[in-house]
Amino acid sequence: MLREINAQEAKNEIKTGKKLLVFHALYCGPCKMYKSTLEELADKNGVEILRVNIEENKEFATESGVRAIPYTQVYQDGSMIKDLVGYRTYDDLLSELDSFLK
């Protein structure tokens, strides 16, 4: 499942389970391409993906260390276990997240 959420929702959501938190912006071309990759990952692998628009959540993006977008943080039970900067194809993302998805 892929959902667009705000900063407060993100802070609550990442506390439990396995989640991808993806920072993006509407003006960002690679972010638009990445969205289809994320949708495919969610559909085929049952991953919960949360997207946060940095333009609407600037303070949270800064607190989260966002320096470039798209920026993906991988969470397991409240702990960030990996982060990825930039666009990834489905196969590349699947490879990067192999151990997380098991």
PDB file of N, CA and C in Angstrom:
ATOM      1  N   MET A   1       0.834  -1.165   0.000  1.00  0.00           N
ATOM      2  CA  MET A   1       0.000   0.000   0.000  1.00  0.00           C
ATOM      3  C   MET A   1       0.892   1.247   0.000  1.00  0.00           C
ATOM      4  N   LEU A   2       0.526   2.194  -0.839  1.00  0.00           N
ATOM      5  CA  LEU A   2       1.250   3.462  -0.952  1.00  0.00           C
ATOM      6  C   LEU A   2       0.308   4.578  -0.504  1.00  0.00           C
ATOM      7  N   ARG A   3       0.754   5.353   0.482  1.00  0.00           N
ATOM      8  CA  ARG A   3      -0.086   6.434   1.009  1.00  0.00           C
ATOM      9  C   ARG A   3       0.698   7.725   1.116  1.00  0.00           C
ATOM     10  N   GLU A   4       0.007   8.817   0.854  1.00  0.00           N
ATOM     11  CA  GLU A   4       0.554  10.162   1.037  1.00  0.00           C
ATOM     12  C   GLU A   4       0.165  10.605   2.443  1.00  0.00           C
ATOM     13  N   ILE A   5       1.147  10.984   3.258  1.00  0.00           N
ATOM     14  CA  ILE A   5       0.862  11.357   4.646  1.00  0.00           C
ATOM     15  C   ILE A   5       1.623  12.627   5.023  1.00  0.00           C
ATOM     16  N   ASN A   6       1.274  13.171   6.191  1.00  0.00           N
ATOM     17  CA  ASN A   6       1.985  14.357   6.679  1.00  0.00           C
ATOM     18  C   ASN A   6       3.018  13.951   7.733  1.00  0.00           C
ATOM     19  N   ALA A   7       3.724  14.929   8.260  1.00  0.00           N
ATOM     20  CA  ALA A   7       4.821  14.675   9.198  1.00  0.00           C
ATOM     21  C   ALA A   7       4.356  13.954  10.455  1.00  0.00           C
ATOM     22  N   GLN A   8       3.266  14.419  11.053  1.00  0.00           N
ATOM     23  CA  GLN A   8       2.794  13.806  12.301  1.00  0.00           C
ATOM     24  C   GLN A   8       2.387  12.353  12.075  1.00  0.00           C
ATOM     25  N   GLU A   9       1.689  12.099  10.975  1.00  0.00           N
ATOM     26  CA  GLU A   9       1.302  10.721  10.651  1.00  0.00           C
ATOM     27  C   GLU A   9       2.542   9.859  10.449  1.00  0.00           C
ATOM     28  N   ALA A  10       3.536  10.406   9.777  1.00  0.00           N
ATOM     29  CA  ALA A  10       4.772   9.653   9.527  1.00  0.00           C
ATOM     30  C   ALA A  10       5.446   9.263  10.832  1.00  0.00           C
ATOM     31  N   LYS A  11       5.549  10.209  11.750  1.00  0.00           N
ATOM     32  CA  LYS A  11       6.193   9.932  13.038  1.00  0.00           C
ATOM     33  C   LYS A  11       5.492   8.802  13.779  1.00  0.00           C
ATOM     34  N   ASN A  12       4.173   8.746  13.688  1.00  0.00           N
ATOM     35  CA  ASN A  12       3.414   7.680  14.342  1.00  0.00           C
ATOM     36  C   ASN A  12       3.524   6.357  13.595  1.00  0.00           C
ATOM     37  N   GLU A  13       3.448   6.417  12.281  1.00  0.00           N
ATOM     38  CA  GLU A  13       3.431   5.206  11.455  1.00  0.00           C
ATOM     39  C   GLU A  13       4.731   4.404  11.516  1.00  0.00           C
ATOM     40  N   ILE A  14       5.867   5.084  11.598  1.00  0.00           N
ATOM     41  CA  ILE A  14       7.150   4.367  11.541  1.00  0.00           C
ATOM     42  C   ILE A  14       7.499   3.662  12.846  1.00  0.00           C
ATOM     43  N   LYS A  15       6.699   3.847  13.870  1.00  0.00           N
ATOM     44  CA  LYS A  15       6.992   3.246  15.178  1.00  0.00           C
ATOM     45  C   LYS A  15       6.861   1.730  15.192  1.00  0.00           C
ATOM     46  N   THR A  16       6.005   1.195  14.328  1.00  0.00           N
ATOM     47  CA  THR A  16       5.770  -0.253  14.336  1.00  0.00           C
ATOM     48  C   THR A  16       5.825  -0.834  12.933  1.00  0.00           C
ATOM     49  N   GLY A  17       6.235  -2.083  12.854  1.00  0.00           N
ATOM     50  CA  GLY A  17       6.236  -2.796  11.587  1.00  0.00           C
ATOM     51  C   GLY A  17       7.355  -2.381  10.652  1.00  0.00           C
ATOM     52  N   LYS A  18       7.222  -2.848   9.423  1.00  0.00           N
ATOM     53  CA  LYS A  18       8.188  -2.540   8.366  1.00  0.00           C
ATOM     54  C   LYS A  18       7.566  -1.503   7.442  1.00  0.00           C
ATOM     55  N   LYS A  19       8.271  -0.389   7.260  1.00  0.00           N
ATOM     56  CA  LYS A  19       7.734   0.702   6.446  1.00  0.00           C
ATOM     57  C   LYS A  19       8.841   1.378   5.655  1.00  0.00           C
ATOM     58  N   LEU A  20       8.484   1.858   4.479  1.00  0.00           N
ATOM     59  CA  LEU A  20       9.357   2.736   3.712  1.00  0.00           C
ATOM     60  C   LEU A  20       8.778   4.136   3.822  1.00  0.00           C
ATOM     61  N   LEU A  21       9.601   5.093   4.187  1.00  0.00           N
ATOM     62  CA  LEU A  21       9.205   6.493   4.261  1.00  0.00           C
ATOM     63  C   LEU A  21       9.945   7.213   3.138  1.00  0.00           C
ATOM     64  N   VAL A  22       9.185   7.752   2.198  1.00  0.00           N
ATOM     65  CA  VAL A  22       9.776   8.347   0.999  1.00  0.00           C
ATOM     66  C   VAL A  22       9.456   9.839   0.953  1.00  0.00           C
ATOM     67  N   PHE A  23      10.498  10.649   0.886  1.00  0.00           N
ATOM     68  CA  PHE A  23      10.350  12.098   0.779  1.00  0.00           C
ATOM     69  C   PHE A  23      10.393  12.479  -0.698  1.00  0.00           C
ATOM     70  N   HIS A  24       9.472  13.351  -1.107  1.00  0.00           N
ATOM     71  CA  HIS A  24       9.369  13.734  -2.518  1.00  0.00           C
ATOM     72  C   HIS A  24       8.852  15.163  -2.624  1.00  0.00           C
ATOM     73  N   ALA A  25       8.787  15.662  -3.860  1.00  0.00           N
ATOM     74  CA  ALA A  25       8.179  16.964  -4.154  1.00  0.00           C
ATOM     75  C   ALA A  25       7.470  16.856  -5.497  1.00  0.00           C
ATOM     76  N   LEU A  26       6.421  17.630  -5.664  1.00  0.00           N
ATOM     77  CA  LEU A  26       5.634  17.569  -6.892  1.00  0.00           C
ATOM     78  C   LEU A  26       6.430  18.007  -8.119  1.00  0.00           C
ATOM     79  N   TYR A  27       7.387  18.914  -7.941  1.00  0.00           N
ATOM     80  CA  TYR A  27       8.181  19.427  -9.063  1.00  0.00           C
ATOM     81  C   TYR A  27       9.306  18.480  -9.491  1.00  0.00           C
ATOM     82  N   CYS A  28       9.529  17.431  -8.734  1.00  0.00           N
ATOM     83  CA  CYS A  28      10.684  16.546  -8.924  1.00  0.00           C
ATOM     84  C   CYS A  28      10.392  15.445  -9.949  1.00  0.00           C
ATOM     85  N   GLY A  29      11.054  15.513 -11.105  1.00  0.00           N
ATOM     86  CA  GLY A  29      10.872  14.502 -12.149  1.00  0.00           C
ATOM     87  C   GLY A  29      11.213  13.091 -11.700  1.00  0.00           C
ATOM     88  N   PRO A  30      12.398  12.872 -11.106  1.00  0.00           N
ATOM     89  CA  PRO A  30      12.737  11.531 -10.631  1.00  0.00           C
ATOM     90  C   PRO A  30      11.743  11.005  -9.583  1.00  0.00           C
ATOM     91  N   CYS A  31      11.165  11.901  -8.790  1.00  0.00           N
ATOM     92  CA  CYS A  31      10.172  11.485  -7.784  1.00  0.00           C
ATOM     93  C   CYS A  31       8.925  10.927  -8.468  1.00  0.00           C
ATOM     94  N   LYS A  32       8.533  11.552  -9.568  1.00  0.00           N
ATOM     95  CA  LYS A  32       7.359  11.082 -10.313  1.00  0.00           C
ATOM     96  C   LYS A  32       7.618   9.698 -10.890  1.00  0.00           C
ATOM     97  N   MET A  33       8.800   9.481 -11.437  1.00  0.00           N
ATOM     98  CA  MET A  33       9.148   8.160 -11.976  1.00  0.00           C
ATOM     99  C   MET A  33       9.227   7.134 -10.852  1.00  0.00           C
ATOM    100  N   TYR A  34       9.771   7.530  -9.728  1.00  0.00           N
ATOM    101  CA  TYR A  34       9.954   6.640  -8.581  1.00  0.00           C
ATOM    102  C   TYR A  34       8.613   6.178  -8.014  1.00  0.00           C
ATOM    103  N   LYS A  35       7.590   7.027  -8.133  1.00  0.00           N
ATOM    104  CA  LYS A  35       6.273   6.666  -7.602  1.00  0.00           C
ATOM    105  C   LYS A  35       5.765   5.378  -8.231  1.00  0.00           C
ATOM    106  N   SER A  36       5.945   5.221  -9.540  1.00  0.00           N
ATOM    107  CA  SER A  36       5.482   3.985 -10.184  1.00  0.00           C
ATOM    108  C   SER A  36       6.290   2.779  -9.708  1.00  0.00           C
ATOM    109  N   THR A  37       7.582   2.972  -9.448  1.00  0.00           N
ATOM    110  CA  THR A  37       8.414   1.904  -8.886  1.00  0.00           C
ATOM    111  C   THR A  37       7.897   1.511  -7.508  1.00  0.00           C
ATOM    112  N   LEU A  38       7.571   2.499  -6.696  1.00  0.00           N
ATOM    113  CA  LEU A  38       7.073   2.246  -5.345  1.00  0.00           C
ATOM    114  C   LEU A  38       5.722   1.540  -5.374  1.00  0.00           C
ATOM    115  N   GLU A  39       4.855   1.949  -6.301  1.00  0.00           N
ATOM    116  CA  GLU A  39       3.551   1.296  -6.433  1.00  0.00           C
ATOM    117  C   GLU A  39       3.723  -0.169  -6.798  1.00  0.00           C
ATOM    118  N   GLU A  40       4.650  -0.454  -7.707  1.00  0.00           N
ATOM    119  CA  GLU A  40       4.923  -1.834  -8.095  1.00  0.00           C
ATOM    120  C   GLU A  40       5.458  -2.631  -6.905  1.00  0.00           C
ATOM    121  N   LEU A  41       6.363  -2.045  -6.148  1.00  0.00           N
ATOM    122  CA  LEU A  41       6.913  -2.713  -4.970  1.00  0.00           C
ATOM    123  C   LEU A  41       5.811  -3.008  -3.956  1.00  0.00           C
ATOM    124  N   ALA A  42       4.950  -2.045  -3.720  1.00  0.00           N
ATOM    125  CA  ALA A  42       3.847  -2.229  -2.767  1.00  0.00           C
ATOM    126  C   ALA A  42       2.900  -3.326  -3.241  1.00  0.00           C
ATOM    127  N   ASP A  43       2.549  -3.311  -4.521  1.00  0.00           N
ATOM    128  CA  ASP A  43       1.608  -4.290  -5.070  1.00  0.00           C
ATOM    129  C   ASP A  43       2.169  -5.704  -5.081  1.00  0.00           C
ATOM    130  N   LYS A  44       3.402  -5.851  -5.496  1.00  0.00           N
ATOM    131  CA  LYS A  44       3.988  -7.186  -5.657  1.00  0.00           C
ATOM    132  C   LYS A  44       4.560  -7.771  -4.374  1.00  0.00           C
ATOM    133  N   ASN A  45       4.925  -6.905  -3.416  1.00  0.00           N
ATOM    134  CA  ASN A  45       5.628  -7.389  -2.226  1.00  0.00           C
ATOM    135  C   ASN A  45       4.937  -7.052  -0.912  1.00  0.00           C
ATOM    136  N   GLY A  46       3.791  -6.399  -0.983  1.00  0.00           N
ATOM    137  CA  GLY A  46       3.036  -6.088   0.223  1.00  0.00           C
ATOM    138  C   GLY A  46       3.723  -5.124   1.176  1.00  0.00           C
ATOM    139  N   VAL A  47       4.601  -4.298   0.648  1.00  0.00           N
ATOM    140  CA  VAL A  47       5.335  -3.341   1.477  1.00  0.00           C
ATOM    141  C   VAL A  47       4.465  -2.110   1.723  1.00  0.00           C
ATOM    142  N   GLU A  48       4.478  -1.619   2.952  1.00  0.00           N
ATOM    143  CA  GLU A  48       3.759  -0.393   3.261  1.00  0.00           C
ATOM    144  C   GLU A  48       4.692   0.784   3.005  1.00  0.00           C
ATOM    145  N   ILE A  49       4.264   1.667   2.103  1.00  0.00           N
ATOM    146  CA  ILE A  49       5.092   2.795   1.687  1.00  0.00           C
ATOM    147  C   ILE A  49       4.360   4.094   2.006  1.00  0.00           C
ATOM    148  N   LEU A  50       5.051   4.968   2.700  1.00  0.00           N
ATOM    149  CA  LEU A  50       4.502   6.247   3.129  1.00  0.00           C
ATOM    150  C   LEU A  50       5.265   7.362   2.424  1.00  0.00           C
ATOM    151  N   ARG A  51       4.536   8.240   1.735  1.00  0.00           N
ATOM    152  CA  ARG A  51       5.189   9.347   1.027  1.00  0.00           C
ATOM    153  C   ARG A  51       4.891  10.662   1.730  1.00  0.00           C
ATOM    154  N   VAL A  52       5.935  11.475   1.868  1.00  0.00           N
ATOM    155  CA  VAL A  52       5.813  12.781   2.514  1.00  0.00           C
ATOM    156  C   VAL A  52       6.312  13.851   1.542  1.00  0.00           C
ATOM    157  N   ASN A  53       5.474  14.827   1.273  1.00  0.00           N
ATOM    158  CA  ASN A  53       5.829  15.937   0.395  1.00  0.00           C
ATOM    159  C   ASN A  53       6.680  16.932   1.191  1.00  0.00           C
ATOM    160  N   ILE A  54       7.905  17.158   0.738  1.00  0.00           N
ATOM    161  CA  ILE A  54       8.814  18.033   1.493  1.00  0.00           C
ATOM    162  C   ILE A  54       8.374  19.496   1.460  1.00  0.00           C
ATOM    163  N   GLU A  55       7.626  19.876   0.440  1.00  0.00           N
ATOM    164  CA  GLU A  55       7.160  21.266   0.363  1.00  0.00           C
ATOM    165  C   GLU A  55       6.122  21.562   1.447  1.00  0.00           C
ATOM    166  N   GLU A  56       5.343  20.562   1.796  1.00  0.00           N
ATOM    167  CA  GLU A  56       4.298  20.730   2.807  1.00  0.00           C
ATOM    168  C   GLU A  56       4.791  20.374   4.208  1.00  0.00           C
ATOM    169  N   ASN A  57       5.951  19.740   4.291  1.00  0.00           N
ATOM    170  CA  ASN A  57       6.488  19.268   5.571  1.00  0.00           C
ATOM    171  C   ASN A  57       7.977  19.598   5.669  1.00  0.00           C
ATOM    172  N   LYS A  58       8.308  20.861   5.451  1.00  0.00           N
ATOM    173  CA  LYS A  58       9.709  21.296   5.374  1.00  0.00           C
ATOM    174  C   LYS A  58      10.498  21.014   6.646  1.00  0.00           C
ATOM    175  N   GLU A  59       9.913  21.322   7.788  1.00  0.00           N
ATOM    176  CA  GLU A  59      10.621  21.128   9.055  1.00  0.00           C
ATOM    177  C   GLU A  59      10.925  19.645   9.287  1.00  0.00           C
ATOM    178  N   PHE A  60       9.950  18.795   9.022  1.00  0.00           N
ATOM    179  CA  PHE A  60      10.140  17.355   9.193  1.00  0.00           C
ATOM    180  C   PHE A  60      11.209  16.834   8.229  1.00  0.00           C
ATOM    181  N   ALA A  61      11.197  17.326   7.000  1.00  0.00           N
ATOM    182  CA  ALA A  61      12.206  16.912   6.020  1.00  0.00           C
ATOM    183  C   ALA A  61      13.606  17.292   6.505  1.00  0.00           C
ATOM    184  N   THR A  62      13.745  18.484   7.040  1.00  0.00           N
ATOM    185  CA  THR A  62      15.034  18.930   7.574  1.00  0.00           C
ATOM    186  C   THR A  62      15.456  18.072   8.761  1.00  0.00           C
ATOM    187  N   GLU A  63      14.522  17.839   9.690  1.00  0.00           N
ATOM    188  CA  GLU A  63      14.799  16.992  10.860  1.00  0.00           C
ATOM    189  C   GLU A  63      15.225  15.584  10.446  1.00  0.00           C
ATOM    190  N   SER A  64      14.675  15.123   9.325  1.00  0.00           N
ATOM    191  CA  SER A  64      14.930  13.758   8.854  1.00  0.00           C
ATOM    192  C   SER A  64      16.191  13.645   8.009  1.00  0.00           C
ATOM    193  N   GLY A  65      16.879  14.761   7.807  1.00  0.00           N
ATOM    194  CA  GLY A  65      18.144  14.734   7.086  1.00  0.00           C
ATOM    195  C   GLY A  65      18.023  14.697   5.577  1.00  0.00           C
ATOM    196  N   VAL A  66      16.889  15.138   5.053  1.00  0.00           N
ATOM    197  CA  VAL A  66      16.691  15.132   3.603  1.00  0.00           C
ATOM    198  C   VAL A  66      17.577  16.200   2.974  1.00  0.00           C
ATOM    199  N   ARG A  67      18.436  15.766   2.056  1.00  0.00           N
ATOM    200  CA  ARG A  67      19.320  16.689   1.345  1.00  0.00           C
ATOM    201  C   ARG A  67      19.094  16.629  -0.161  1.00  0.00           C
ATOM    202  N   ALA A  68      18.485  15.542  -0.611  1.00  0.00           N
ATOM    203  CA  ALA A  68      18.163  15.353  -2.023  1.00  0.00           C
ATOM    204  C   ALA A  68      16.922  14.469  -2.086  1.00  0.00           C
ATOM    205  N   ILE A  69      16.184  14.577  -3.179  1.00  0.00           N
ATOM    206  CA  ILE A  69      14.987  13.757  -3.333  1.00  0.00           C
ATOM    207  C   ILE A  69      14.993  13.073  -4.691  1.00  0.00           C
ATOM    208  N   PRO A  70      14.325  11.938  -4.814  1.00  0.00           N
ATOM    209  CA  PRO A  70      13.625  11.245  -3.740  1.00  0.00           C
ATOM    210  C   PRO A  70      14.601  10.665  -2.709  1.00  0.00           C
ATOM    211  N   TYR A  71      14.146  10.633  -1.476  1.00  0.00           N
ATOM    212  CA  TYR A  71      14.941  10.115  -0.364  1.00  0.00           C
ATOM    213  C   TYR A  71      14.091   9.091   0.377  1.00  0.00           C
ATOM    214  N   THR A  72      14.601   7.875   0.481  1.00  0.00           N
ATOM    215  CA  THR A  72      13.860   6.771   1.089  1.00  0.00           C
ATOM    216  C   THR A  72      14.529   6.338   2.380  1.00  0.00           C
ATOM    217  N   GLN A  73      13.735   6.258   3.424  1.00  0.00           N
ATOM    218  CA  GLN A  73      14.203   5.717   4.697  1.00  0.00           C
ATOM    219  C   GLN A  73      13.452   4.410   4.941  1.00  0.00           C
ATOM    220  N   VAL A  74      14.187   3.385   5.340  1.00  0.00           N
ATOM    221  CA  VAL A  74      13.613   2.065   5.583  1.00  0.00           C
ATOM    222  C   VAL A  74      13.547   1.861   7.093  1.00  0.00           C
ATOM    223  N   TYR A  75      12.343   1.624   7.596  1.00  0.00           N
ATOM    224  CA  TYR A  75      12.129   1.478   9.040  1.00  0.00           C
ATOM    225  C   TYR A  75      11.633   0.087   9.400  1.00  0.00           C
ATOM    226  N   GLN A  76      12.127  -0.394  10.527  1.00  0.00           N
ATOM    227  CA  GLN A  76      11.625  -1.626  11.113  1.00  0.00           C
ATOM    228  C   GLN A  76      11.416  -1.373  12.603  1.00  0.00           C
ATOM    229  N   ASP A  77      10.162  -1.431  13.027  1.00  0.00           N
ATOM    230  CA  ASP A  77       9.788  -1.221  14.429  1.00  0.00           C
ATOM    231  C   ASP A  77      10.408   0.040  15.033  1.00  0.00           C
ATOM    232  N   GLY A  78      10.334   1.135  14.287  1.00  0.00           N
ATOM    233  CA  GLY A  78      10.780   2.426  14.794  1.00  0.00           C
ATOM    234  C   GLY A  78      12.237   2.775  14.562  1.00  0.00           C
ATOM    235  N   SER A  79      13.025   1.821  14.083  1.00  0.00           N
ATOM    236  CA  SER A  79      14.448   2.085  13.827  1.00  0.00           C
ATOM    237  C   SER A  79      14.715   2.166  12.334  1.00  0.00           C
ATOM    238  N   MET A  80      15.425   3.229  11.928  1.00  0.00           N
ATOM    239  CA  MET A  80      15.805   3.317  10.523  1.00  0.00           C
ATOM    240  C   MET A  80      16.969   2.358  10.297  1.00  0.00           C
ATOM    241  N   ILE A  81      16.779   1.428   9.370  1.00  0.00           N
ATOM    242  CA  ILE A  81      17.806   0.424   9.120  1.00  0.00           C
ATOM    243  C   ILE A  81      18.563   0.667   7.818  1.00  0.00           C
ATOM    244  N   LYS A  82      18.047   1.574   7.000  1.00  0.00           N
ATOM    245  CA  LYS A  82      18.708   1.851   5.721  1.00  0.00           C
ATOM    246  C   LYS A  82      18.127   3.139   5.162  1.00  0.00           C
ATOM    247  N   ASP A  83      18.930   3.842   4.374  1.00  0.00           N
ATOM    248  CA  ASP A  83      18.397   4.972   3.629  1.00  0.00           C
ATOM    249  C   ASP A  83      18.979   4.968   2.227  1.00  0.00           C
ATOM    250  N   LEU A  84      18.187   5.459   1.298  1.00  0.00           N
ATOM    251  CA  LEU A  84      18.550   5.456  -0.118  1.00  0.00           C
ATOM    252  C   LEU A  84      18.270   6.836  -0.700  1.00  0.00           C
ATOM    253  N   VAL A  85      19.227   7.368  -1.418  1.00  0.00           N
ATOM    254  CA  VAL A  85      19.043   8.667  -2.058  1.00  0.00           C
ATOM    255  C   VAL A  85      18.904   8.456  -3.555  1.00  0.00           C
ATOM    256  N   GLY A  86      17.869   9.056  -4.139  1.00  0.00           N
ATOM    257  CA  GLY A  86      17.693   9.023  -5.580  1.00  0.00           C
ATOM    258  C   GLY A  86      16.715   7.975  -6.075  1.00  0.00           C
ATOM    259  N   TYR A  87      16.478   8.063  -7.364  1.00  0.00           N
ATOM    260  CA  TYR A  87      15.564   7.158  -8.063  1.00  0.00           C
ATOM    261  C   TYR A  87      16.170   5.767  -8.179  1.00  0.00           C
ATOM    262  N   ARG A  88      15.337   4.750  -8.076  1.00  0.00           N
ATOM    263  CA  ARG A  88      15.741   3.361  -8.296  1.00  0.00           C
ATOM    264  C   ARG A  88      14.713   2.696  -9.201  1.00  0.00           C
ATOM    265  N   THR A  89      15.166   1.797 -10.062  1.00  0.00           N
ATOM    266  CA  THR A  89      14.229   0.972 -10.814  1.00  0.00           C
ATOM    267  C   THR A  89      13.653  -0.058  -9.853  1.00  0.00           C
ATOM    268  N   TYR A  90      12.609  -0.744 -10.275  1.00  0.00           N
ATOM    269  CA  TYR A  90      12.004  -1.771  -9.429  1.00  0.00           C
ATOM    270  C   TYR A  90      13.033  -2.837  -9.063  1.00  0.00           C
ATOM    271  N   ASP A  91      13.769  -3.337 -10.054  1.00  0.00           N
ATOM    272  CA  ASP A  91      14.750  -4.399  -9.792  1.00  0.00           C
ATOM    273  C   ASP A  91      15.863  -3.926  -8.856  1.00  0.00           C
ATOM    274  N   ASP A  92      16.330  -2.700  -9.046  1.00  0.00           N
ATOM    275  CA  ASP A  92      17.367  -2.149  -8.161  1.00  0.00           C
ATOM    276  C   ASP A  92      16.853  -2.003  -6.730  1.00  0.00           C
ATOM    277  N   LEU A  93      15.639  -1.514  -6.598  1.00  0.00           N
ATOM    278  CA  LEU A  93      15.058  -1.330  -5.271  1.00  0.00           C
ATOM    279  C   LEU A  93      14.830  -2.682  -4.596  1.00  0.00           C
ATOM    280  N   LEU A  94      14.358  -3.639  -5.356  1.00  0.00           N
ATOM    281  CA  LEU A  94      14.142  -4.986  -4.827  1.00  0.00           C
ATOM    282  C   LEU A  94      15.451  -5.572  -4.319  1.00  0.00           C
ATOM    283  N   SER A  95      16.519  -5.382  -5.071  1.00  0.00           N
ATOM    284  CA  SER A  95      17.838  -5.871  -4.673  1.00  0.00           C
ATOM    285  C   SER A  95      18.324  -5.174  -3.398  1.00  0.00           C
ATOM    286  N   GLU A  96      18.150  -3.855  -3.326  1.00  0.00           N
ATOM    287  CA  GLU A  96      18.571  -3.077  -2.149  1.00  0.00           C
ATOM    288  C   GLU A  96      17.822  -3.495  -0.885  1.00  0.00           C
ATOM    289  N   LEU A  97      16.565  -3.917  -1.062  1.00  0.00           N
ATOM    290  CA  LEU A  97      15.705  -4.217   0.085  1.00  0.00           C
ATOM    291  C   LEU A  97      15.532  -5.709   0.336  1.00  0.00           C
ATOM    292  N   ASP A  98      16.349  -6.520  -0.300  1.00  0.00           N
ATOM    293  CA  ASP A  98      16.194  -7.973  -0.243  1.00  0.00           C
ATOM    294  C   ASP A  98      16.040  -8.503   1.181  1.00  0.00           C
ATOM    295  N   SER A  99      16.957  -8.181   2.067  1.00  0.00           N
ATOM    296  CA  SER A  99      16.894  -8.717   3.434  1.00  0.00           C
ATOM    297  C   SER A  99      15.717  -8.122   4.211  1.00  0.00           C
ATOM    298  N   PHE A 100      15.351  -6.894   3.922  1.00  0.00           N
ATOM    299  CA  PHE A 100      14.224  -6.229   4.578  1.00  0.00           C
ATOM    300  C   PHE A 100      12.897  -6.891   4.215  1.00  0.00           C
ATOM    301  N   LEU A 101      12.791  -7.350   2.979  1.00  0.00           N
ATOM    302  CA  LEU A 101      11.537  -7.919   2.495  1.00  0.00           C
ATOM    303  C   LEU A 101      11.295  -9.350   2.962  1.00  0.00           C
ATOM    304  N   LYS A 102      12.323  -9.994   3.507  1.00  0.00           N
ATOM    305  CA  LYS A 102      12.176 -11.400   3.923  1.00  0.00           C
ATOM    306  C   LYS A 102      11.519 -11.517   5.267  1.00  0.00           C
TER     307      LYS A 102
END
